[in-house]
C-alpha atoms as a PDB file:
ATOM      1  CA  UNK A   1      39.130  82.589 -40.333  1.00  0.00           C
ATOM      2  CA  UNK A   2      41.218  82.758 -43.524  1.00  0.00           C
ATOM      3  CA  UNK A   3      39.608  82.585 -46.941  1.00  0.00           C
ATOM      4  CA  UNK A   4      41.224  79.264 -47.873  1.00  0.00           C
ATOM      5  CA  UNK A   5      39.928  77.476 -44.775  1.00  0.00           C
ATOM      6  CA  UNK A   6      36.490  78.916 -45.447  1.00  0.00           C
ATOM      7  CA  UNK A   7      36.448  77.469 -48.971  1.00  0.00           C
ATOM      8  CA  UNK A   8      37.724  74.121 -47.663  1.00  0.00           C
ATOM      9  CA  UNK A   9      34.865  73.940 -45.154  1.00  0.00           C
ATOM     10  CA  UNK A  10      32.327  74.860 -47.842  1.00  0.00           C
ATOM     11  CA  UNK A  11      33.581  71.982 -50.000  1.00  0.00           C
ATOM     12  CA  UNK A  12      33.614  69.532 -47.075  1.00  0.00           C
ATOM     13  CA  UNK A  13      30.045  70.363 -45.998  1.00  0.00           C
ATOM     14  CA  UNK A  14      28.691  70.227 -49.562  1.00  0.00           C
ATOM     15  CA  UNK A  15      30.352  66.836 -50.154  1.00  0.00           C
ATOM     16  CA  UNK A  16      29.013  65.515 -46.839  1.00  0.00           C
ATOM     17  CA  UNK A  17      25.488  66.715 -47.656  1.00  0.00           C
ATOM     18  CA  UNK A  18      25.515  65.303 -51.178  1.00  0.00           C
ATOM     19  CA  UNK A  19      27.577  62.121 -50.527  1.00  0.00           C
ATOM     20  CA  UNK A  20      29.405  62.912 -53.758  1.00  0.00           C
ATOM     21  CA  UNK A  21      32.163  65.233 -54.971  1.00  0.00           C
ATOM     22  CA  UNK A  22      30.378  65.573 -58.318  1.00  0.00           C
ATOM     23  CA  UNK A  23      27.054  66.565 -56.767  1.00  0.00           C
ATOM     24  CA  UNK A  24      28.836  68.950 -54.396  1.00  0.00           C
ATOM     25  CA  UNK A  25      30.609  70.512 -57.383  1.00  0.00           C
ATOM     26  CA  UNK A  26      27.300  71.073 -59.191  1.00  0.00           C
ATOM     27  CA  UNK A  27      25.870  72.702 -56.088  1.00  0.00           C
ATOM     28  CA  UNK A  28      28.886  74.989 -55.678  1.00  0.00           C
ATOM     29  CA  UNK A  29      29.368  75.752 -59.371  1.00  0.00           C
ATOM     30  CA  UNK A  30      32.935  74.427 -59.506  1.00  0.00           C
ATOM     31  CA  UNK A  31      34.624  71.258 -60.778  1.00  0.00           C
ATOM     32  CA  UNK A  32      34.662  67.909 -58.911  1.00  0.00           C
ATOM     33  CA  UNK A  33      38.466  68.103 -58.926  1.00  0.00           C
ATOM     34  CA  UNK A  34      38.306  71.438 -57.116  1.00  0.00           C
ATOM     35  CA  UNK A  35      35.994  69.989 -54.440  1.00  0.00           C
ATOM     36  CA  UNK A  36      38.234  66.950 -53.989  1.00  0.00           C
ATOM     37  CA  UNK A  37      41.333  69.141 -53.736  1.00  0.00           C
ATOM     38  CA  UNK A  38      39.730  71.427 -51.139  1.00  0.00           C
ATOM     39  CA  UNK A  39      38.688  68.449 -49.009  1.00  0.00           C
ATOM     40  CA  UNK A  40      42.172  66.911 -49.300  1.00  0.00           C
ATOM     41  CA  UNK A  41      43.750  70.191 -48.191  1.00  0.00           C
ATOM     42  CA  UNK A  42      41.372  70.408 -45.225  1.00  0.00           C
ATOM     43  CA  UNK A  43      42.303  66.840 -44.248  1.00  0.00           C
ATOM     44  CA  UNK A  44      46.009  67.712 -44.524  1.00  0.00           C
ATOM     45  CA  UNK A  45      45.522  70.828 -42.447  1.00  0.00           C
ATOM     46  CA  UNK A  46      43.638  68.950 -39.716  1.00  0.00           C
ATOM     47  CA  UNK A  47      45.770  65.824 -39.885  1.00  0.00           C
ATOM     48  CA  UNK A  48      42.760  63.458 -40.107  1.00  0.00           C
ATOM     49  CA  UNK A  49      40.867  61.642 -42.855  1.00  0.00           C
ATOM     50  CA  UNK A  50      37.330  62.991 -43.217  1.00  0.00           C
ATOM     51  CA  UNK A  51      35.970  60.691 -45.951  1.00  0.00           C
ATOM     52  CA  UNK A  52      36.264  57.049 -46.932  1.00  0.00           C
ATOM     53  CA  UNK A  53      36.520  57.155 -50.713  1.00  0.00           C
ATOM     54  CA  UNK A  54      35.849  54.518 -53.324  1.00  0.00           C
ATOM     55  CA  UNK A  55      34.985  54.595 -57.016  1.00  0.00           C
ATOM     56  CA  UNK A  56      31.273  54.281 -56.148  1.00  0.00           C
ATOM     57  CA  UNK A  57      30.766  55.868 -52.754  1.00  0.00           C
ATOM     58  CA  UNK A  58      31.793  58.655 -50.444  1.00  0.00           C
ATOM     59  CA  UNK A  59      31.199  58.223 -46.727  1.00  0.00           C
ATOM     60  CA  UNK A  60      32.202  60.223 -43.680  1.00  0.00           C
ATOM     61  CA  UNK A  61      34.734  58.722 -41.306  1.00  0.00           C
ATOM     62  CA  UNK A  62      34.214  58.960 -37.552  1.00  0.00           C
ATOM     63  CA  UNK A  63      36.310  62.141 -37.513  1.00  0.00           C
ATOM     64  CA  UNK A  64      34.345  63.464 -40.481  1.00  0.00           C
ATOM     65  CA  UNK A  65      31.028  62.806 -38.744  1.00  0.00           C
ATOM     66  CA  UNK A  66      32.299  64.594 -35.631  1.00  0.00           C
ATOM     67  CA  UNK A  67      33.406  67.636 -37.609  1.00  0.00           C
ATOM     68  CA  UNK A  68      30.167  67.714 -39.619  1.00  0.00           C
ATOM     69  CA  UNK A  69      28.055  67.520 -36.472  1.00  0.00           C
ATOM     70  CA  UNK A  70      29.986  70.337 -34.818  1.00  0.00           C
ATOM     71  CA  UNK A  71      30.223  72.829 -37.689  1.00  0.00           C
ATOM     72  CA  UNK A  72      27.389  72.235 -40.160  1.00  0.00           C
ATOM     73  CA  UNK A  73      24.661  74.205 -38.407  1.00  0.00           C
ATOM     74  CA  UNK A  74      26.879  77.069 -37.104  1.00  0.00           C
ATOM     75  CA  UNK A  75      28.500  77.397 -40.540  1.00  0.00           C
ATOM     76  CA  UNK A  76      25.129  77.557 -42.292  1.00  0.00           C
ATOM     77  CA  UNK A  77      23.873  80.072 -39.708  1.00  0.00           C
ATOM     78  CA  UNK A  78      26.902  82.290 -40.336  1.00  0.00           C
ATOM     79  CA  UNK A  79      26.289  82.141 -44.087  1.00  0.00           C
ATOM     80  CA  UNK A  80      22.608  82.927 -43.648  1.00  0.00           C
ATOM     81  CA  UNK A  81      23.380  85.849 -41.316  1.00  0.00           C
ATOM     82  CA  UNK A  82      25.807  87.345 -43.830  1.00  0.00           C
ATOM     83  CA  UNK A  83      23.291  86.893 -46.649  1.00  0.00           C
ATOM     84  CA  UNK A  84      20.589  88.579 -44.619  1.00  0.00           C
ATOM     85  CA  UNK A  85      22.885  91.501 -43.828  1.00  0.00           C
ATOM     86  CA  UNK A  86      23.758  91.917 -47.495  1.00  0.00           C
ATOM     87  CA  UNK A  87      20.081  91.918 -48.467  1.00  0.00           C
ATOM     88  CA  UNK A  88      18.818  94.001 -45.561  1.00  0.00           C
ATOM     89  CA  UNK A  89      18.640  93.294 -41.841  1.00  0.00           C
ATOM     90  CA  UNK A  90      15.966  90.793 -40.928  1.00  0.00           C
ATOM     91  CA  UNK A  91      15.091  89.901 -44.528  1.00  0.00           C
ATOM     92  CA  UNK A  92      14.758  86.122 -45.000  1.00  0.00           C
ATOM     93  CA  UNK A  93      17.320  84.609 -47.340  1.00  0.00           C
ATOM     94  CA  UNK A  94      19.373  81.469 -47.864  1.00  0.00           C
ATOM     95  CA  UNK A  95      18.751  77.732 -47.753  1.00  0.00           C
ATOM     96  CA  UNK A  96      15.937  76.438 -45.518  1.00  0.00           C
ATOM     97  CA  UNK A  97      16.361  72.740 -44.726  1.00  0.00           C
ATOM     98  CA  UNK A  98      12.946  71.108 -44.208  1.00  0.00           C
ATOM     99  CA  UNK A  99      12.013  67.521 -43.281  1.00  0.00           C
ATOM    100  CA  UNK A 100       8.576  66.370 -44.461  1.00  0.00           C
ATOM    101  CA  UNK A 101       6.599  63.146 -44.344  1.00  0.00           C
ATOM    102  CA  UNK A 102       5.808  62.008 -47.890  1.00  0.00           C
ATOM    103  CA  UNK A 103       2.035  62.357 -48.229  1.00  0.00           C
ATOM    104  CA  UNK A 104       1.422  65.249 -45.845  1.00  0.00           C
ATOM    105  CA  UNK A 105       4.374  67.095 -47.317  1.00  0.00           C
ATOM    106  CA  UNK A 106       3.521  66.484 -50.960  1.00  0.00           C
ATOM    107  CA  UNK A 107      -0.240  67.100 -50.786  1.00  0.00           C
ATOM    108  CA  UNK A 108      -0.607  69.746 -48.104  1.00  0.00           C
ATOM    109  CA  UNK A 109       2.700  71.438 -47.223  1.00  0.00           C
ATOM    110  CA  UNK A 110       4.295  71.912 -50.666  1.00  0.00           C
ATOM    111  CA  UNK A 111       1.499  74.243 -51.847  1.00  0.00           C
ATOM    112  CA  UNK A 112       2.140  76.387 -48.765  1.00  0.00           C
ATOM    113  CA  UNK A 113       5.917  76.319 -49.362  1.00  0.00           C
ATOM    114  CA  UNK A 114       5.290  77.578 -52.897  1.00  0.00           C
ATOM    115  CA  UNK A 115       3.267  80.482 -51.483  1.00  0.00           C
ATOM    116  CA  UNK A 116       6.026  81.255 -48.966  1.00  0.00           C
ATOM    117  CA  UNK A 117       8.710  81.326 -51.666  1.00  0.00           C
ATOM    118  CA  UNK A 118       6.624  83.674 -53.799  1.00  0.00           C
ATOM    119  CA  UNK A 119       6.513  86.017 -50.823  1.00  0.00           C
ATOM    120  CA  UNK A 120      10.194  85.536 -49.910  1.00  0.00           C
ATOM    121  CA  UNK A 121      12.016  84.636 -53.155  1.00  0.00           C
ATOM    122  CA  UNK A 122      15.501  84.806 -51.592  1.00  0.00           C
ATOM    123  CA  UNK A 123      14.715  81.715 -49.490  1.00  0.00           C
ATOM    124  CA  UNK A 124      15.595  78.390 -51.133  1.00  0.00           C
ATOM    125  CA  UNK A 125      13.756  75.384 -49.617  1.00  0.00           C
ATOM    126  CA  UNK A 126      15.932  72.258 -49.297  1.00  0.00           C
ATOM    127  CA  UNK A 127      13.219  69.646 -48.763  1.00  0.00           C
ATOM    128  CA  UNK A 128      13.848  66.073 -47.586  1.00  0.00           C
ATOM    129  CA  UNK A 129      10.992  63.535 -47.688  1.00  0.00           C
ATOM    130  CA  UNK A 130      11.035  60.681 -45.178  1.00  0.00           C
ATOM    131  CA  UNK A 131       8.311  58.932 -43.187  1.00  0.00           C
ATOM    132  CA  UNK A 132      10.750  58.254 -40.358  1.00  0.00           C
ATOM    133  CA  UNK A 133      11.246  60.748 -37.550  1.00  0.00           C
ATOM    134  CA  UNK A 134      13.777  63.451 -38.325  1.00  0.00           C
ATOM    135  CA  UNK A 135      16.511  64.381 -35.852  1.00  0.00           C
ATOM    136  CA  UNK A 136      16.587  68.160 -36.225  1.00  0.00           C
ATOM    137  CA  UNK A 137      19.806  68.685 -34.310  1.00  0.00           C
ATOM    138  CA  UNK A 138      21.858  65.776 -35.659  1.00  0.00           C
ATOM    139  CA  UNK A 139      20.636  66.136 -39.262  1.00  0.00           C
ATOM    140  CA  UNK A 140      20.821  69.914 -39.362  1.00  0.00           C
ATOM    141  CA  UNK A 141      17.180  70.624 -40.238  1.00  0.00           C
ATOM    142  CA  UNK A 142      15.749  74.091 -39.722  1.00  0.00           C
ATOM    143  CA  UNK A 143      12.215  72.705 -39.394  1.00  0.00           C
ATOM    144  CA  UNK A 144      10.391  69.387 -39.632  1.00  0.00           C
ATOM    145  CA  UNK A 145       6.672  68.788 -40.152  1.00  0.00           C
ATOM    146  CA  UNK A 146       5.179  65.476 -39.112  1.00  0.00           C
ATOM    147  CA  UNK A 147       3.428  63.547 -36.407  1.00  0.00           C
ATOM    148  CA  UNK A 148       4.670  62.303 -33.082  1.00  0.00           C
ATOM    149  CA  UNK A 149       8.314  63.414 -33.319  1.00  0.00           C
ATOM    150  CA  UNK A 150       9.981  63.001 -29.942  1.00  0.00           C
ATOM    151  CA  UNK A 151      10.823  66.345 -28.365  1.00  0.00           C
ATOM    152  CA  UNK A 152      14.522  65.996 -27.621  1.00  0.00           C
ATOM    153  CA  UNK A 153      16.483  68.678 -25.826  1.00  0.00           C
ATOM    154  CA  UNK A 154      16.601  71.908 -27.812  1.00  0.00           C
ATOM    155  CA  UNK A 155      13.501  71.143 -29.941  1.00  0.00           C
ATOM    156  CA  UNK A 156      10.032  72.658 -29.602  1.00  0.00           C
ATOM    157  CA  UNK A 157       6.759  72.038 -31.459  1.00  0.00           C
ATOM    158  CA  UNK A 158       3.763  74.072 -32.594  1.00  0.00           C
ATOM    159  CA  UNK A 159       0.697  71.970 -33.290  1.00  0.00           C
ATOM    160  CA  UNK A 160      -0.924  72.347 -36.706  1.00  0.00           C
ATOM    161  CA  UNK A 161      -3.819  69.912 -36.221  1.00  0.00           C
ATOM    162  CA  UNK A 162      -5.065  66.867 -34.328  1.00  0.00           C
ATOM    163  CA  UNK A 163      -5.247  64.204 -37.026  1.00  0.00           C
ATOM    164  CA  UNK A 164      -8.259  61.890 -36.801  1.00  0.00           C
ATOM    165  CA  UNK A 165      -7.680  58.217 -37.778  1.00  0.00           C
ATOM    166  CA  UNK A 166     -10.693  56.608 -39.451  1.00  0.00           C
ATOM    167  CA  UNK A 167     -11.911  53.359 -40.995  1.00  0.00           C
ATOM    168  CA  UNK A 168     -12.428  53.297 -44.763  1.00  0.00           C
ATOM    169  CA  UNK A 169     -12.962  50.826 -47.588  1.00  0.00           C
ATOM    170  CA  UNK A 170     -13.692  50.815 -51.315  1.00  0.00           C
ATOM    171  CA  UNK A 171     -17.334  50.754 -52.469  1.00  0.00           C
ATOM    172  CA  UNK A 172     -16.497  47.631 -54.472  1.00  0.00           C
ATOM    173  CA  UNK A 173     -15.358  45.834 -51.302  1.00  0.00           C
ATOM    174  CA  UNK A 174     -18.513  46.852 -49.425  1.00  0.00           C
ATOM    175  CA  UNK A 175     -20.714  45.595 -52.264  1.00  0.00           C
ATOM    176  CA  UNK A 176     -19.318  42.103 -51.699  1.00  0.00           C
ATOM    177  CA  UNK A 177     -18.969  42.385 -47.907  1.00  0.00           C
ATOM    178  CA  UNK A 178     -21.847  44.045 -46.027  1.00  0.00           C
ATOM    179  CA  UNK A 179     -20.588  47.032 -44.039  1.00  0.00           C
ATOM    180  CA  UNK A 180     -20.077  46.376 -40.303  1.00  0.00           C
ATOM    181  CA  UNK A 181     -22.709  47.860 -38.008  1.00  0.00           C
ATOM    182  CA  UNK A 182     -20.528  47.783 -34.888  1.00  0.00           C
ATOM    183  CA  UNK A 183     -16.813  47.182 -34.102  1.00  0.00           C
ATOM    184  CA  UNK A 184     -17.404  43.493 -33.267  1.00  0.00           C
ATOM    185  CA  UNK A 185     -18.489  42.937 -36.886  1.00  0.00           C
ATOM    186  CA  UNK A 186     -14.962  43.799 -38.102  1.00  0.00           C
ATOM    187  CA  UNK A 187     -13.848  40.263 -37.164  1.00  0.00           C
ATOM    188  CA  UNK A 188     -15.655  39.028 -40.290  1.00  0.00           C
ATOM    189  CA  UNK A 189     -13.832  41.479 -42.569  1.00  0.00           C
ATOM    190  CA  UNK A 190     -10.542  41.654 -44.427  1.00  0.00           C
ATOM    191  CA  UNK A 191      -8.154  44.275 -43.086  1.00  0.00           C
ATOM    192  CA  UNK A 192      -5.218  46.227 -44.528  1.00  0.00           C
ATOM    193  CA  UNK A 193      -3.137  46.677 -41.386  1.00  0.00           C
ATOM    194  CA  UNK A 194      -0.103  48.741 -40.523  1.00  0.00           C
ATOM    195  CA  UNK A 195       3.350  47.765 -39.305  1.00  0.00           C
ATOM    196  CA  UNK A 196       5.123  50.384 -37.205  1.00  0.00           C
ATOM    197  CA  UNK A 197       8.292  51.806 -38.756  1.00  0.00           C
ATOM    198  CA  UNK A 198       9.784  52.220 -35.284  1.00  0.00           C
ATOM    199  CA  UNK A 199       8.945  48.940 -33.538  1.00  0.00           C
ATOM    200  CA  UNK A 200       8.280  46.667 -36.530  1.00  0.00           C
ATOM    201  CA  UNK A 201       5.091  45.465 -34.837  1.00  0.00           C
ATOM    202  CA  UNK A 202       1.631  45.313 -36.380  1.00  0.00           C
ATOM    203  CA  UNK A 203      -0.430  48.065 -34.786  1.00  0.00           C
ATOM    204  CA  UNK A 204      -3.649  46.987 -33.030  1.00  0.00           C
ATOM    205  CA  UNK A 205      -7.015  48.575 -33.811  1.00  0.00           C
ATOM    206  CA  UNK A 206      -8.212  50.476 -30.739  1.00  0.00           C
ATOM    207  CA  UNK A 207     -11.437  52.358 -31.521  1.00  0.00           C
ATOM    208  CA  UNK A 208     -13.211  55.167 -29.657  1.00  0.00           C
ATOM    209  CA  UNK A 209     -16.577  56.873 -30.051  1.00  0.00           C
ATOM    210  CA  UNK A 210     -18.124  60.188 -28.969  1.00  0.00           C
ATOM    211  CA  UNK A 211     -19.543  58.565 -25.821  1.00  0.00           C
ATOM    212  CA  UNK A 212     -16.017  57.808 -24.607  1.00  0.00           C
ATOM    213  CA  UNK A 213     -16.230  54.056 -25.188  1.00  0.00           C
ATOM    214  CA  UNK A 214     -13.047  52.236 -26.214  1.00  0.00           C
ATOM    215  CA  UNK A 215     -12.863  48.802 -27.825  1.00  0.00           C
ATOM    216  CA  UNK A 216     -10.182  46.573 -29.313  1.00  0.00           C
ATOM    217  CA  UNK A 217     -11.282  45.470 -32.771  1.00  0.00           C
ATOM    218  CA  UNK A 218     -10.206  42.232 -34.444  1.00  0.00           C
ATOM    219  CA  UNK A 219      -9.848  41.986 -38.230  1.00  0.00           C
ATOM    220  CA  UNK A 220      -8.537  39.357 -40.641  1.00  0.00           C
ATOM    221  CA  UNK A 221      -5.311  40.789 -42.107  1.00  0.00           C
ATOM    222  CA  UNK A 222      -4.992  40.356 -45.865  1.00  0.00           C
ATOM    223  CA  UNK A 223      -2.029  42.736 -46.211  1.00  0.00           C
ATOM    224  CA  UNK A 224       0.470  44.340 -43.844  1.00  0.00           C
ATOM    225  CA  UNK A 225       2.116  47.619 -44.885  1.00  0.00           C
ATOM    226  CA  UNK A 226       4.364  50.192 -43.234  1.00  0.00           C
ATOM    227  CA  UNK A 227       3.148  53.197 -45.245  1.00  0.00           C
ATOM    228  CA  UNK A 228      -0.305  54.777 -44.773  1.00  0.00           C
ATOM    229  CA  UNK A 229      -0.468  56.093 -48.347  1.00  0.00           C
ATOM    230  CA  UNK A 230       0.084  52.565 -49.665  1.00  0.00           C
ATOM    231  CA  UNK A 231      -2.561  51.301 -47.242  1.00  0.00           C
ATOM    232  CA  UNK A 232      -5.039  53.871 -48.567  1.00  0.00           C
ATOM    233  CA  UNK A 233      -4.325  52.785 -52.137  1.00  0.00           C
ATOM    234  CA  UNK A 234      -4.643  49.125 -51.166  1.00  0.00           C
ATOM    235  CA  UNK A 235      -8.005  49.752 -49.530  1.00  0.00           C
ATOM    236  CA  UNK A 236      -9.164  51.765 -52.574  1.00  0.00           C
ATOM    237  CA  UNK A 237      -8.328  48.797 -54.804  1.00  0.00           C
ATOM    238  CA  UNK A 238     -10.776  46.647 -52.826  1.00  0.00           C
ATOM    239  CA  UNK A 239      -8.385  44.685 -50.617  1.00  0.00           C
ATOM    240  CA  UNK A 240     -10.299  45.368 -47.432  1.00  0.00           C
ATOM    241  CA  UNK A 241     -10.936  47.868 -44.640  1.00  0.00           C
ATOM    242  CA  UNK A 242      -8.050  50.091 -43.528  1.00  0.00           C
ATOM    243  CA  UNK A 243      -7.521  52.335 -40.524  1.00  0.00           C
ATOM    244  CA  UNK A 244      -6.142  55.546 -42.062  1.00  0.00           C
ATOM    245  CA  UNK A 245      -5.029  59.010 -40.956  1.00  0.00           C
ATOM    246  CA  UNK A 246      -7.392  61.519 -42.584  1.00  0.00           C
ATOM    247  CA  UNK A 247      -4.623  63.309 -44.549  1.00  0.00           C
ATOM    248  CA  UNK A 248      -4.043  60.055 -46.447  1.00  0.00           C
ATOM    249  CA  UNK A 249      -7.707  59.114 -46.750  1.00  0.00           C
ATOM    250  CA  UNK A 250      -9.175  62.495 -47.750  1.00  0.00           C
ATOM    251  CA  UNK A 251      -8.168  62.544 -51.452  1.00  0.00           C
ATOM    252  CA  UNK A 252      -9.722  59.101 -51.948  1.00  0.00           C
ATOM    253  CA  UNK A 253     -12.793  59.915 -49.861  1.00  0.00           C
ATOM    254  CA  UNK A 254     -13.278  63.070 -51.935  1.00  0.00           C
ATOM    255  CA  UNK A 255     -13.002  61.129 -55.196  1.00  0.00           C
ATOM    256  CA  UNK A 256     -15.353  58.382 -54.003  1.00  0.00           C
ATOM    257  CA  UNK A 257     -12.660  55.688 -54.244  1.00  0.00           C
ATOM    258  CA  UNK A 258     -13.042  55.190 -50.488  1.00  0.00           C
ATOM    259  CA  UNK A 259     -16.003  55.571 -48.139  1.00  0.00           C
ATOM    260  CA  UNK A 260     -16.060  55.770 -44.353  1.00  0.00           C
ATOM    261  CA  UNK A 261     -16.816  52.600 -42.401  1.00  0.00           C
ATOM    262  CA  UNK A 262     -18.314  52.829 -38.884  1.00  0.00           C
ATOM    263  CA  UNK A 263     -18.197  56.659 -39.059  1.00  0.00           C
ATOM    264  CA  UNK A 264     -19.107  56.928 -35.381  1.00  0.00           C
ATOM    265  CA  UNK A 265     -15.846  55.229 -34.431  1.00  0.00           C
ATOM    266  CA  UNK A 266     -12.216  56.297 -34.880  1.00  0.00           C
ATOM    267  CA  UNK A 267      -8.776  55.464 -33.548  1.00  0.00           C
ATOM    268  CA  UNK A 268      -8.226  58.678 -31.617  1.00  0.00           C
ATOM    269  CA  UNK A 269      -6.276  61.693 -32.820  1.00  0.00           C
ATOM    270  CA  UNK A 270      -2.568  62.341 -33.145  1.00  0.00           C
ATOM    271  CA  UNK A 271      -0.794  65.681 -33.346  1.00  0.00           C
ATOM    272  CA  UNK A 272       0.611  67.016 -36.593  1.00  0.00           C
ATOM    273  CA  UNK A 273       3.178  69.651 -35.686  1.00  0.00           C
ATOM    274  CA  UNK A 274       5.959  71.833 -36.998  1.00  0.00           C
ATOM    275  CA  UNK A 275       9.194  71.263 -35.083  1.00  0.00           C
ATOM    276  CA  UNK A 276      12.162  73.616 -34.793  1.00  0.00           C
ATOM    277  CA  UNK A 277      15.097  74.592 -32.628  1.00  0.00           C
ATOM    278  CA  UNK A 278      14.382  76.280 -29.313  1.00  0.00           C
ATOM    279  CA  UNK A 279      17.138  78.842 -29.928  1.00  0.00           C
ATOM    280  CA  UNK A 280      16.023  82.335 -28.911  1.00  0.00           C
ATOM    281  CA  UNK A 281      17.456  83.991 -32.010  1.00  0.00           C
ATOM    282  CA  UNK A 282      16.072  81.998 -34.920  1.00  0.00           C
ATOM    283  CA  UNK A 283      17.148  83.165 -38.390  1.00  0.00           C
ATOM    284  CA  UNK A 284      14.536  85.376 -40.032  1.00  0.00           C
ATOM    285  CA  UNK A 285      13.873  82.748 -42.734  1.00  0.00           C
ATOM    286  CA  UNK A 286      13.050  80.083 -40.100  1.00  0.00           C
ATOM    287  CA  UNK A 287      10.953  82.284 -37.855  1.00  0.00           C
ATOM    288  CA  UNK A 288       8.906  83.671 -40.745  1.00  0.00           C
ATOM    289  CA  UNK A 289       8.440  80.204 -42.301  1.00  0.00           C
ATOM    290  CA  UNK A 290       7.109  78.749 -39.040  1.00  0.00           C
ATOM    291  CA  UNK A 291       4.645  81.615 -38.549  1.00  0.00           C
ATOM    292  CA  UNK A 292       3.574  81.425 -42.210  1.00  0.00           C
ATOM    293  CA  UNK A 293       2.873  77.673 -42.127  1.00  0.00           C
ATOM    294  CA  UNK A 294       0.942  77.867 -38.843  1.00  0.00           C
ATOM    295  CA  UNK A 295      -1.198  80.743 -40.143  1.00  0.00           C
ATOM    296  CA  UNK A 296      -1.822  79.371 -43.636  1.00  0.00           C
ATOM    297  CA  UNK A 297      -2.481  75.821 -42.408  1.00  0.00           C
ATOM    298  CA  UNK A 298      -5.478  77.071 -40.467  1.00  0.00           C
ATOM    299  CA  UNK A 299      -6.676  79.428 -43.219  1.00  0.00           C
ATOM    300  CA  UNK A 300      -6.463  76.685 -45.851  1.00  0.00           C
ATOM    301  CA  UNK A 301      -9.015  74.553 -44.008  1.00  0.00           C
ATOM    302  CA  UNK A 302      -6.560  71.688 -43.524  1.00  0.00           C
ATOM    303  CA  UNK A 303      -6.863  71.829 -39.739  1.00  0.00           C
ATOM    304  CA  UNK A 304     -10.640  71.481 -39.834  1.00  0.00           C
ATOM    305  CA  UNK A 305     -10.588  68.648 -42.371  1.00  0.00           C
ATOM    306  CA  UNK A 306      -7.907  66.653 -40.510  1.00  0.00           C
ATOM    307  CA  UNK A 307      -9.894  66.946 -37.281  1.00  0.00           C
ATOM    308  CA  UNK A 308     -13.273  66.100 -38.841  1.00  0.00           C
ATOM    309  CA  UNK A 309     -15.435  63.666 -36.819  1.00  0.00           C
END
């Protein structure tokens, strides 16, 4: 591949990632005019328009989306391989594109990423926060960490923990509303309930105990939210009882802003996993990051706390 075409592709991919010629220019250390010119020359060379341009937005055309989907990951892999060769065979280097859920990523994964970067300073994490499921292949992520991501073709998962989902409320709420003694008592209580991001439906409360019993619990909804961190904050403010994944509840349980309700009951457990491509030859940066997170997640005590009864 000639040098000019290489620089054109670099400019195209940076502009597609950043949705802006200016942001792509900052990332590449060149001028916006140079990025725009390189993209225009690539379009002329291919005979197609890759972007729809306006004064306020930059969006890929259908042809642009097709080209991006076909070349973004191979092009990044080539760049990473060359960087690794320059710095020593097998040494991790280059950009590592990571998808994280907001709360789990911010509270629990970022401290581990910081430790990884101190060990491997040539790796540059490119972290994207989103509570929706990431599409590793289509979106070009090296890894994603979250719960319940569908395993599409070419994607594998390593489980980090089984996340327990528990009932919690603020002490101030329980002072005014006597704590339930059994699931049937929840019908007399206010509930902060969750709407699924995927289906848009309000999720039912299905509770289990150590004896293997399962019950459907009714509650009087006083607020419906689609984000578990917001639900935890709402419950901590005294709105009512919430059914929360332990990663979201733990900081507020530790501070005393929330307390467990019906501690013998929970809404099952869901896997928290790290997801990555099933390619046999993963780049060193990806392979080492996956192993590091799995190892440190257990050593940090997160696994045990997320699975607590």
